[in-house]
């Protein structure tokens, strides 16, 4: 998704972009070609996207499902999976609360602990300043100042809770 202007729409809007030549979610692929879906190359791509589990936990995504995992054929027998639809994220009050580990079913059976470890390390390695910069760069008509402060504080606090959430699921030692 990119932020931009849309003719006839006031303010800044989120504009969806395709992942690959065709945006194909995992259930759609499974319905179209169950053999391809079950193939090592597709299952490897799903496993390689395990880092999404840490991201979903960090940003408190409450709408995780296989329909929100899209797959693209990158050519040469390689596939890539991406997460979409993060509209139900960052929803916490003044207290960012506990970090849970929601997971789409396709990822639950394809967990790669090394990929999750890398994602958690990257989340934990993000400085307070970098989080503030990223959130601060969101246009005010998308995320007003008081909301930015809430999101920044929440991401900073939740960052240190992701590892334990991953451990509690057995995805990290």
Protein backbone atom coordinates (compact mmCIF):
# COMPACT_ATOMS: atom_id res chain seq x y z
CA UNK A 1 0.00 0.00 0.00
CA UNK A 2 1.09 3.51 -0.70
CA UNK A 3 -0.25 6.78 0.60
CA UNK A 4 -1.35 9.24 -2.02
CA UNK A 5 -4.06 11.39 -3.51
CA UNK A 6 -7.05 10.00 -5.39
CA UNK A 7 -9.04 12.16 -7.73
CA UNK A 8 -12.36 13.08 -6.12
CA UNK A 9 -11.24 12.06 -2.63
CA UNK A 10 -10.28 14.64 -0.02
CA UNK A 11 -7.00 14.23 1.85
CA UNK A 12 -4.57 11.37 1.78
CA UNK A 13 -5.78 7.84 1.07
CA UNK A 14 -4.23 4.39 1.16
CA UNK A 15 -3.81 2.95 -2.32
CA UNK A 16 -3.44 -0.81 -2.63
CA UNK A 17 -0.86 -2.19 -5.01
CA UNK A 18 -0.56 -5.67 -6.45
CA UNK A 19 1.93 -8.23 -5.19
CA UNK A 20 3.29 -9.83 -8.35
CA UNK A 21 1.50 -10.03 -11.67
CA UNK A 22 -1.72 -11.05 -9.96
CA UNK A 23 -2.75 -10.52 -6.35
CA UNK A 24 -3.60 -14.08 -5.38
CA UNK A 25 -4.34 -14.93 -1.77
CA UNK A 26 -3.43 -18.34 -0.37
CA UNK A 27 -7.00 -19.74 -0.21
CA UNK A 28 -7.53 -18.71 -3.85
CA UNK A 29 -4.33 -20.48 -4.89
CA UNK A 30 -5.36 -23.58 -2.94
CA UNK A 31 -8.77 -23.61 -4.66
CA UNK A 32 -7.28 -23.10 -8.12
CA UNK A 33 -4.37 -25.52 -7.85
CA UNK A 34 -4.18 -27.65 -4.69
CA UNK A 35 -1.09 -29.49 -5.96
CA UNK A 36 0.81 -26.24 -6.49
CA UNK A 37 -0.34 -24.95 -3.10
CA UNK A 38 0.97 -28.12 -1.43
CA UNK A 39 4.24 -28.07 -3.37
CA UNK A 40 7.57 -27.56 -1.62
CA UNK A 41 8.18 -24.28 -3.44
CA UNK A 42 4.92 -22.71 -2.20
CA UNK A 43 5.24 -24.14 1.30
CA UNK A 44 8.83 -22.86 1.43
CA UNK A 45 7.59 -19.37 0.48
CA UNK A 46 4.98 -19.51 3.25
CA UNK A 47 7.63 -20.64 5.74
CA UNK A 48 9.93 -17.81 4.59
CA UNK A 49 7.19 -15.34 5.55
CA UNK A 50 7.13 -16.52 9.18
CA UNK A 51 8.49 -13.14 10.26
CA UNK A 52 4.96 -11.81 9.74
CA UNK A 53 4.05 -13.57 12.99
CA UNK A 54 6.31 -11.20 14.95
CA UNK A 55 5.06 -8.19 12.99
CA UNK A 56 1.40 -9.10 13.59
CA UNK A 57 2.14 -9.38 17.31
CA UNK A 58 4.05 -6.09 17.49
CA UNK A 59 1.43 -3.99 15.71
CA UNK A 60 -1.47 -5.87 17.33
CA UNK A 61 -3.09 -7.06 14.13
CA UNK A 62 -6.46 -8.48 15.17
CA UNK A 63 -7.52 -9.54 11.67
CA UNK A 64 -5.10 -12.26 10.63
CA UNK A 65 -6.22 -14.94 8.22
CA UNK A 66 -4.94 -16.76 5.17
CA UNK A 67 -6.97 -14.42 2.94
CA UNK A 68 -4.53 -11.70 4.01
CA UNK A 69 -1.50 -13.60 2.73
CA UNK A 70 -0.87 -13.07 -0.98
CA UNK A 71 1.57 -15.03 -3.06
CA UNK A 72 3.48 -14.03 -6.16
CA UNK A 73 5.32 -16.14 -8.69
CA UNK A 74 8.76 -14.55 -8.91
CA UNK A 75 9.82 -16.79 -11.79
CA UNK A 76 12.39 -19.54 -11.83
CA UNK A 77 10.22 -21.70 -9.58
CA UNK A 78 10.35 -19.16 -6.75
CA UNK A 79 7.37 -17.73 -4.89
CA UNK A 80 7.08 -14.93 -2.34
CA UNK A 81 4.36 -14.36 0.26
CA UNK A 82 3.36 -10.94 1.60
CA UNK A 83 0.91 -9.83 4.28
CA UNK A 84 -1.88 -7.42 3.34
CA UNK A 85 -4.74 -5.62 5.07
CA UNK A 86 -3.32 -4.15 8.24
CA UNK A 87 -6.40 -2.00 8.84
CA UNK A 88 -7.06 -3.62 12.23
CA UNK A 89 -3.69 -2.77 13.78
CA UNK A 90 -2.30 -0.31 16.30
CA UNK A 91 -5.57 -0.41 18.23
CA UNK A 92 -4.72 -0.06 21.87
CA UNK A 93 -5.67 2.59 24.36
CA UNK A 94 -3.32 4.48 26.64
CA UNK A 95 -1.78 1.18 27.76
CA UNK A 96 -0.47 -0.80 24.79
CA UNK A 97 -1.41 -3.97 26.65
CA UNK A 98 -0.03 -7.46 26.40
CA UNK A 99 1.42 -8.75 23.15
CA UNK A 100 -0.41 -11.77 21.77
CA UNK A 101 0.73 -13.85 18.84
CA UNK A 102 -2.12 -14.15 16.35
CA UNK A 103 -1.42 -16.37 13.37
CA UNK A 104 -3.07 -17.23 10.08
CA UNK A 105 -3.49 -21.03 9.76
CA UNK A 106 -1.08 -21.32 6.81
CA UNK A 107 1.70 -19.82 8.93
CA UNK A 108 0.91 -21.98 11.95
CA UNK A 109 1.87 -25.13 10.06
CA UNK A 110 4.88 -23.51 8.36
CA UNK A 111 6.77 -21.79 11.17
CA UNK A 112 10.46 -21.14 10.56
CA UNK A 113 11.99 -20.23 13.91
CA UNK A 114 15.09 -18.72 12.31
CA UNK A 115 12.96 -16.33 10.26
CA UNK A 116 10.99 -15.38 13.38
CA UNK A 117 14.24 -14.85 15.30
CA UNK A 118 15.48 -12.48 12.60
CA UNK A 119 12.19 -10.55 12.63
CA UNK A 120 12.19 -10.23 16.42
CA UNK A 121 15.83 -9.09 16.38
CA UNK A 122 14.96 -6.41 13.80
CA UNK A 123 11.96 -5.23 15.83
CA UNK A 124 14.01 -5.07 19.03
CA UNK A 125 16.82 -3.31 17.17
CA UNK A 126 14.58 -0.48 16.03
CA UNK A 127 15.44 2.60 18.06
CA UNK A 128 12.89 4.86 19.73
CA UNK A 129 14.03 7.59 17.37
CA UNK A 130 13.45 5.46 14.24
CA UNK A 131 9.96 4.46 15.41
CA UNK A 132 9.14 8.13 16.06
CA UNK A 133 10.51 9.10 12.65
CA UNK A 134 8.51 6.47 10.75
CA UNK A 135 5.26 7.27 12.56
CA UNK A 136 5.97 10.99 12.38
CA UNK A 137 6.27 10.77 8.59
CA UNK A 138 2.65 9.62 8.26
CA UNK A 139 0.59 12.60 7.05
CA UNK A 140 -1.46 14.31 9.77
CA UNK A 141 -4.67 13.82 7.80
CA UNK A 142 -4.08 10.06 8.06
CA UNK A 143 -2.80 9.98 11.64
CA UNK A 144 -3.29 13.18 13.69
CA UNK A 145 -0.67 14.31 16.23
CA UNK A 146 -2.24 12.85 19.40
CA UNK A 147 -2.71 9.50 17.63
CA UNK A 148 0.90 9.57 16.46
CA UNK A 149 2.05 9.98 20.07
CA UNK A 150 -0.14 7.03 21.14
CA UNK A 151 1.16 4.82 18.31
CA UNK A 152 4.79 5.76 18.92
CA UNK A 153 4.54 5.01 22.63
CA UNK A 154 2.70 1.76 21.97
CA UNK A 155 5.22 0.47 19.43
CA UNK A 156 8.10 1.42 21.73
CA UNK A 157 6.57 -0.42 24.69
CA UNK A 158 5.35 -3.44 22.71
CA UNK A 159 8.73 -3.89 21.00
CA UNK A 160 10.21 -5.48 24.15
CA UNK A 161 7.22 -7.82 24.56
CA UNK A 162 7.30 -9.52 21.15
CA UNK A 163 10.03 -12.04 22.00
CA UNK A 164 8.08 -13.43 24.95
CA UNK A 165 4.94 -13.69 22.82
CA UNK A 166 6.90 -15.74 20.27
CA UNK A 167 8.39 -17.91 23.05
CA UNK A 168 4.97 -18.56 24.54
CA UNK A 169 3.92 -20.14 21.23
CA UNK A 170 7.09 -22.24 21.04
CA UNK A 171 8.37 -20.27 18.06
CA UNK A 172 11.53 -19.17 19.84
CA UNK A 173 13.68 -20.89 22.47
